[in-house]
């Protein structure tokens, strides 16, 4: 219960601060797991949380920008990203779906906050 409460507290907007992004909360819980949480519960909890939830706006290492459209539980860090901006920042007339599980040269280097991008 403590892990879920911490996750919720950090991932929700508060009067005194903006919410943390999902991957930031995951990193915090993972870093704190030895001192604050039972490591087995942390492992179980984190297998059910996507680092990059569907709808997340992301930047790929090739400088393309897009939206996470599909996440596999087995490979949560390697979602399918619908690219909507090319590497030069130009809006694409037709989006391109990049399956990071298949293209191992691509990975997410940034998640944009709501007011970015």
N, C-alpha and C. Protein backbone atom coordinates (compact mmCIF):
# COMPACT_ATOMS: atom_id res chain seq x y z
N UNK A 1 0.82 -1.20 0.00
CA UNK A 1 0.00 0.00 0.00
C UNK A 1 0.86 1.26 0.00
N UNK A 2 1.97 1.24 0.73
CA UNK A 2 2.84 2.41 0.79
C UNK A 2 3.40 2.77 -0.57
N UNK A 3 3.73 1.77 -1.39
CA UNK A 3 4.27 2.04 -2.72
C UNK A 3 3.21 2.73 -3.57
N UNK A 4 2.01 2.21 -3.58
CA UNK A 4 0.93 2.80 -4.36
C UNK A 4 0.61 4.22 -3.90
N UNK A 5 0.61 4.45 -2.60
CA UNK A 5 0.36 5.79 -2.07
C UNK A 5 1.45 6.76 -2.51
N UNK A 6 2.70 6.32 -2.45
CA UNK A 6 3.81 7.17 -2.90
C UNK A 6 3.70 7.46 -4.39
N UNK A 7 3.40 6.44 -5.16
CA UNK A 7 3.24 6.61 -6.61
C UNK A 7 2.16 7.66 -6.88
N UNK A 8 1.00 7.49 -6.27
CA UNK A 8 -0.12 8.41 -6.49
C UNK A 8 0.23 9.83 -6.06
N UNK A 9 0.88 9.97 -4.92
CA UNK A 9 1.24 11.30 -4.42
C UNK A 9 2.19 12.03 -5.37
N UNK A 10 3.13 11.30 -5.93
CA UNK A 10 4.11 11.93 -6.81
C UNK A 10 3.58 12.16 -8.22
N UNK A 11 2.68 11.30 -8.68
CA UNK A 11 2.17 11.37 -10.05
C UNK A 11 0.94 12.27 -10.20
N UNK A 12 0.56 12.95 -9.13
CA UNK A 12 -0.63 13.80 -9.14
C UNK A 12 -0.23 15.24 -8.88
N UNK A 13 -0.86 16.17 -9.61
CA UNK A 13 -0.63 17.59 -9.36
C UNK A 13 -1.02 17.93 -7.94
N UNK A 14 -0.22 18.76 -7.32
CA UNK A 14 -0.49 19.25 -5.97
C UNK A 14 -0.52 20.78 -6.01
N UNK A 15 -1.08 21.38 -5.01
CA UNK A 15 -1.12 22.84 -4.94
C UNK A 15 0.30 23.42 -4.95
N UNK A 16 1.21 22.74 -4.31
CA UNK A 16 2.58 23.24 -4.13
C UNK A 16 3.58 22.75 -5.18
N UNK A 17 3.14 21.84 -6.10
CA UNK A 17 4.04 21.38 -7.15
C UNK A 17 3.27 20.66 -8.25
N UNK A 18 3.88 20.62 -9.44
CA UNK A 18 3.31 19.88 -10.55
C UNK A 18 3.62 18.39 -10.38
N UNK A 19 2.81 17.56 -11.00
CA UNK A 19 3.02 16.12 -10.94
C UNK A 19 4.36 15.74 -11.56
N UNK A 20 4.90 14.64 -11.10
CA UNK A 20 6.10 14.09 -11.71
C UNK A 20 5.66 13.23 -12.89
N UNK A 21 6.53 13.10 -13.88
CA UNK A 21 6.26 12.21 -15.00
C UNK A 21 6.43 10.76 -14.54
N UNK A 22 5.75 9.86 -15.21
CA UNK A 22 5.74 8.46 -14.79
C UNK A 22 7.14 7.89 -14.62
N UNK A 23 8.01 8.13 -15.58
CA UNK A 23 9.36 7.55 -15.48
C UNK A 23 10.14 8.14 -14.30
N UNK A 24 9.84 9.39 -13.93
CA UNK A 24 10.49 10.00 -12.76
C UNK A 24 10.03 9.32 -11.47
N UNK A 25 8.74 9.03 -11.38
CA UNK A 25 8.19 8.36 -10.20
C UNK A 25 8.77 6.94 -10.10
N UNK A 26 8.83 6.25 -11.22
CA UNK A 26 9.39 4.89 -11.23
C UNK A 26 10.84 4.91 -10.75
N UNK A 27 11.62 5.85 -11.26
CA UNK A 27 13.03 5.94 -10.83
C UNK A 27 13.12 6.21 -9.33
N UNK A 28 12.28 7.10 -8.81
CA UNK A 28 12.29 7.40 -7.38
C UNK A 28 11.96 6.17 -6.55
N UNK A 29 10.90 5.47 -6.93
CA UNK A 29 10.50 4.27 -6.18
C UNK A 29 11.59 3.20 -6.28
N UNK A 30 12.15 3.03 -7.46
CA UNK A 30 13.22 2.03 -7.64
C UNK A 30 14.45 2.39 -6.79
N UNK A 31 14.81 3.68 -6.75
CA UNK A 31 15.97 4.12 -5.96
C UNK A 31 15.73 3.97 -4.46
N UNK A 32 14.51 4.21 -4.03
CA UNK A 32 14.17 4.16 -2.61
C UNK A 32 13.85 2.75 -2.13
N UNK A 33 13.75 1.78 -3.04
CA UNK A 33 13.18 0.49 -2.67
C UNK A 33 13.93 -0.23 -1.56
N UNK A 34 15.23 -0.06 -1.48
CA UNK A 34 15.99 -0.79 -0.45
C UNK A 34 15.80 -0.20 0.94
N UNK A 35 15.57 1.11 0.99
CA UNK A 35 15.44 1.74 2.30
C UNK A 35 14.00 1.92 2.77
N UNK A 36 13.07 2.09 1.84
CA UNK A 36 11.70 2.42 2.25
C UNK A 36 10.67 1.32 1.95
N UNK A 37 10.92 0.52 0.93
CA UNK A 37 9.92 -0.46 0.50
C UNK A 37 10.52 -1.86 0.43
N UNK A 38 9.66 -2.84 0.57
CA UNK A 38 10.07 -4.24 0.39
C UNK A 38 10.42 -4.44 -1.08
N UNK A 39 11.65 -4.86 -1.39
CA UNK A 39 12.09 -5.01 -2.78
C UNK A 39 11.19 -5.92 -3.62
N UNK A 40 10.62 -6.96 -3.01
CA UNK A 40 9.73 -7.85 -3.77
C UNK A 40 8.44 -7.14 -4.17
N UNK A 41 7.92 -6.29 -3.27
CA UNK A 41 6.72 -5.52 -3.60
C UNK A 41 7.04 -4.48 -4.68
N UNK A 42 8.20 -3.87 -4.61
CA UNK A 42 8.61 -2.89 -5.62
C UNK A 42 8.66 -3.57 -6.99
N UNK A 43 9.30 -4.72 -7.04
CA UNK A 43 9.42 -5.45 -8.31
C UNK A 43 8.04 -5.78 -8.87
N UNK A 44 7.16 -6.29 -8.04
CA UNK A 44 5.80 -6.62 -8.48
C UNK A 44 5.04 -5.38 -8.93
N UNK A 45 5.12 -4.32 -8.15
CA UNK A 45 4.42 -3.08 -8.47
C UNK A 45 4.90 -2.52 -9.81
N UNK A 46 6.21 -2.46 -10.01
CA UNK A 46 6.77 -1.86 -11.21
C UNK A 46 6.52 -2.67 -12.47
N UNK A 47 6.26 -3.96 -12.34
CA UNK A 47 5.92 -4.75 -13.53
C UNK A 47 4.55 -4.38 -14.07
N UNK A 48 3.78 -3.64 -13.29
CA UNK A 48 2.43 -3.25 -13.71
C UNK A 48 2.31 -1.77 -14.05
N UNK A 49 3.44 -1.08 -14.12
CA UNK A 49 3.44 0.35 -14.43
C UNK A 49 4.28 0.56 -15.69
N UNK A 50 3.71 1.23 -16.68
CA UNK A 50 4.45 1.53 -17.91
C UNK A 50 5.27 2.80 -17.71
N UNK A 51 6.56 2.72 -18.02
CA UNK A 51 7.43 3.89 -17.92
C UNK A 51 6.96 5.01 -18.83
N UNK A 52 6.43 4.62 -19.97
CA UNK A 52 5.96 5.57 -20.97
C UNK A 52 4.52 5.23 -21.31
N UNK A 53 3.58 5.76 -20.52
CA UNK A 53 2.16 5.42 -20.72
C UNK A 53 1.65 5.85 -22.09
N UNK A 54 0.64 5.17 -22.56
CA UNK A 54 0.01 5.54 -23.83
C UNK A 54 -0.42 7.00 -23.74
N UNK A 55 -0.12 7.73 -24.80
CA UNK A 55 -0.44 9.16 -24.85
C UNK A 55 0.73 10.05 -24.48
N UNK A 56 1.82 9.47 -23.97
CA UNK A 56 3.00 10.26 -23.61
C UNK A 56 3.63 10.83 -24.87
N UNK A 57 3.99 12.11 -24.80
CA UNK A 57 4.72 12.75 -25.89
C UNK A 57 6.20 12.54 -25.62
N UNK A 58 6.94 12.00 -26.61
CA UNK A 58 8.33 11.62 -26.38
C UNK A 58 9.25 12.09 -27.50
N UNK A 59 10.53 12.15 -27.15
CA UNK A 59 11.60 12.45 -28.10
C UNK A 59 12.46 11.20 -28.23
N UNK A 60 12.70 10.77 -29.47
CA UNK A 60 13.55 9.62 -29.72
C UNK A 60 14.99 10.07 -29.93
N UNK A 61 15.93 9.15 -29.79
CA UNK A 61 17.34 9.47 -29.93
C UNK A 61 17.72 9.91 -31.35
N UNK A 62 16.86 9.69 -32.34
CA UNK A 62 17.11 10.19 -33.69
C UNK A 62 16.49 11.57 -33.91
N UNK A 63 16.01 12.18 -32.82
CA UNK A 63 15.43 13.52 -32.77
C UNK A 63 14.00 13.60 -33.31
N UNK A 64 13.37 12.47 -33.61
CA UNK A 64 11.96 12.47 -33.98
C UNK A 64 11.11 12.60 -32.72
N UNK A 65 9.94 13.23 -32.87
CA UNK A 65 9.02 13.40 -31.76
C UNK A 65 7.72 12.69 -32.09
N UNK A 66 7.14 12.08 -31.06
CA UNK A 66 5.89 11.37 -31.30
C UNK A 66 5.13 11.06 -30.03
N UNK A 67 4.12 10.22 -30.20
CA UNK A 67 3.21 9.86 -29.11
C UNK A 67 3.26 8.34 -28.92
N UNK A 68 3.38 7.91 -27.68
CA UNK A 68 3.34 6.48 -27.38
C UNK A 68 1.92 5.99 -27.64
N UNK A 69 1.81 4.95 -28.50
CA UNK A 69 0.47 4.45 -28.85
C UNK A 69 0.22 3.02 -28.39
N UNK A 70 1.28 2.30 -28.02
CA UNK A 70 1.11 0.92 -27.57
C UNK A 70 2.27 0.56 -26.65
N UNK A 71 1.94 -0.14 -25.56
CA UNK A 71 2.94 -0.57 -24.60
C UNK A 71 2.74 -2.06 -24.32
N UNK A 72 3.82 -2.81 -24.41
CA UNK A 72 3.78 -4.23 -24.08
C UNK A 72 4.22 -4.40 -22.64
N UNK A 73 3.48 -5.17 -21.87
CA UNK A 73 3.84 -5.39 -20.47
C UNK A 73 5.22 -6.03 -20.34
N UNK A 74 5.57 -6.90 -21.26
CA UNK A 74 6.85 -7.59 -21.20
C UNK A 74 8.02 -6.67 -21.55
N UNK A 75 7.76 -5.64 -22.37
CA UNK A 75 8.82 -4.73 -22.82
C UNK A 75 8.35 -3.28 -22.67
N UNK A 76 7.99 -2.90 -21.47
CA UNK A 76 7.39 -1.58 -21.22
C UNK A 76 8.29 -0.42 -21.63
N UNK A 77 9.60 -0.60 -21.60
CA UNK A 77 10.52 0.48 -21.96
C UNK A 77 10.71 0.58 -23.47
N UNK A 78 10.07 -0.30 -24.25
CA UNK A 78 10.22 -0.32 -25.70
C UNK A 78 8.83 -0.28 -26.36
N UNK A 79 8.12 0.85 -26.21
CA UNK A 79 6.76 0.93 -26.75
C UNK A 79 6.74 1.18 -28.26
N UNK A 80 5.54 1.26 -28.82
CA UNK A 80 5.36 1.72 -30.19
C UNK A 80 5.08 3.21 -30.12
N UNK A 81 5.84 3.98 -30.90
CA UNK A 81 5.71 5.44 -30.92
C UNK A 81 5.23 5.88 -32.29
N UNK A 82 4.17 6.67 -32.32
CA UNK A 82 3.69 7.26 -33.57
C UNK A 82 4.42 8.59 -33.75
N UNK A 83 5.33 8.62 -34.71
CA UNK A 83 6.14 9.81 -34.97
C UNK A 83 5.30 10.82 -35.73
N UNK A 84 5.26 12.07 -35.21
CA UNK A 84 4.48 13.12 -35.87
C UNK A 84 5.34 14.31 -36.28
N UNK A 85 6.60 14.36 -35.76
CA UNK A 85 7.55 15.39 -36.16
C UNK A 85 8.86 14.71 -36.55
N UNK A 86 9.41 15.11 -37.70
CA UNK A 86 10.67 14.50 -38.13
C UNK A 86 11.84 15.05 -37.32
N UNK A 87 13.04 14.61 -37.64
CA UNK A 87 14.24 14.99 -36.89
C UNK A 87 14.54 16.49 -36.96
N UNK A 88 13.99 17.17 -37.96
CA UNK A 88 14.20 18.62 -38.09
C UNK A 88 13.08 19.42 -37.43
N UNK A 89 12.13 18.71 -36.82
CA UNK A 89 11.02 19.38 -36.15
C UNK A 89 9.85 19.71 -37.06
N UNK A 90 9.89 19.22 -38.29
CA UNK A 90 8.82 19.46 -39.24
C UNK A 90 7.68 18.48 -39.01
N UNK A 91 6.47 18.97 -39.04
CA UNK A 91 5.29 18.12 -38.88
C UNK A 91 5.17 17.21 -40.10
N UNK A 92 4.95 15.92 -39.85
CA UNK A 92 4.81 14.96 -40.94
C UNK A 92 3.39 15.00 -41.49
N UNK A 93 3.26 14.85 -42.81
CA UNK A 93 1.92 14.78 -43.41
C UNK A 93 1.28 13.44 -43.10
N UNK A 94 2.12 12.40 -43.00
CA UNK A 94 1.65 11.07 -42.58
C UNK A 94 2.55 10.59 -41.46
N UNK A 95 1.94 10.19 -40.37
CA UNK A 95 2.72 9.71 -39.23
C UNK A 95 3.38 8.38 -39.56
N UNK A 96 4.44 8.08 -38.81
CA UNK A 96 5.18 6.82 -38.95
C UNK A 96 5.18 6.13 -37.60
N UNK A 97 4.80 4.87 -37.56
CA UNK A 97 4.84 4.11 -36.31
C UNK A 97 6.20 3.44 -36.18
N UNK A 98 6.87 3.71 -35.05
CA UNK A 98 8.18 3.11 -34.76
C UNK A 98 8.00 2.13 -33.60
N UNK A 99 8.24 0.86 -33.86
CA UNK A 99 8.16 -0.16 -32.82
C UNK A 99 9.56 -0.30 -32.22
N UNK A 100 9.75 0.25 -31.04
CA UNK A 100 11.08 0.26 -30.42
C UNK A 100 11.53 -1.13 -30.00
N UNK A 101 10.60 -2.04 -29.89
CA UNK A 101 10.95 -3.42 -29.57
C UNK A 101 11.63 -4.09 -30.78
N UNK A 102 11.25 -3.65 -31.97
CA UNK A 102 11.83 -4.21 -33.20
C UNK A 102 13.05 -3.43 -33.66
N UNK A 103 13.02 -2.12 -33.52
CA UNK A 103 14.16 -1.28 -33.94
C UNK A 103 14.99 -0.93 -32.72
N UNK A 104 15.99 -1.74 -32.45
CA UNK A 104 16.79 -1.59 -31.23
C UNK A 104 17.77 -0.42 -31.28
N UNK A 105 17.85 0.26 -32.42
CA UNK A 105 18.71 1.45 -32.51
C UNK A 105 17.99 2.68 -31.97
N UNK A 106 16.67 2.59 -31.81
CA UNK A 106 15.88 3.72 -31.32
C UNK A 106 15.51 3.53 -29.86
N UNK A 107 15.50 4.63 -29.13
CA UNK A 107 15.04 4.61 -27.75
C UNK A 107 14.57 6.01 -27.36
N UNK A 108 13.77 6.07 -26.32
CA UNK A 108 13.23 7.34 -25.83
C UNK A 108 14.28 8.03 -24.96
N UNK A 109 14.53 9.30 -25.27
CA UNK A 109 15.49 10.05 -24.47
C UNK A 109 14.82 11.14 -23.63
N UNK A 110 13.55 11.42 -23.92
CA UNK A 110 12.85 12.45 -23.14
C UNK A 110 11.36 12.24 -23.24
N UNK A 111 10.67 12.52 -22.13
CA UNK A 111 9.21 12.59 -22.11
C UNK A 111 8.89 14.07 -21.93
N UNK A 112 7.99 14.58 -22.75
CA UNK A 112 7.62 15.98 -22.64
C UNK A 112 6.52 16.16 -21.59
N UNK A 113 6.62 17.24 -20.87
CA UNK A 113 5.56 17.60 -19.94
C UNK A 113 4.41 18.22 -20.75
N UNK A 114 3.26 18.38 -20.13
CA UNK A 114 2.06 18.85 -20.82
C UNK A 114 2.27 20.17 -21.56
N UNK A 115 3.08 21.06 -21.02
CA UNK A 115 3.24 22.39 -21.62
C UNK A 115 4.43 22.48 -22.56
N UNK A 116 5.08 21.37 -22.85
CA UNK A 116 6.21 21.33 -23.76
C UNK A 116 5.78 20.79 -25.12
N UNK A 117 6.72 20.75 -26.01
CA UNK A 117 6.63 20.16 -27.34
C UNK A 117 6.06 21.17 -28.27
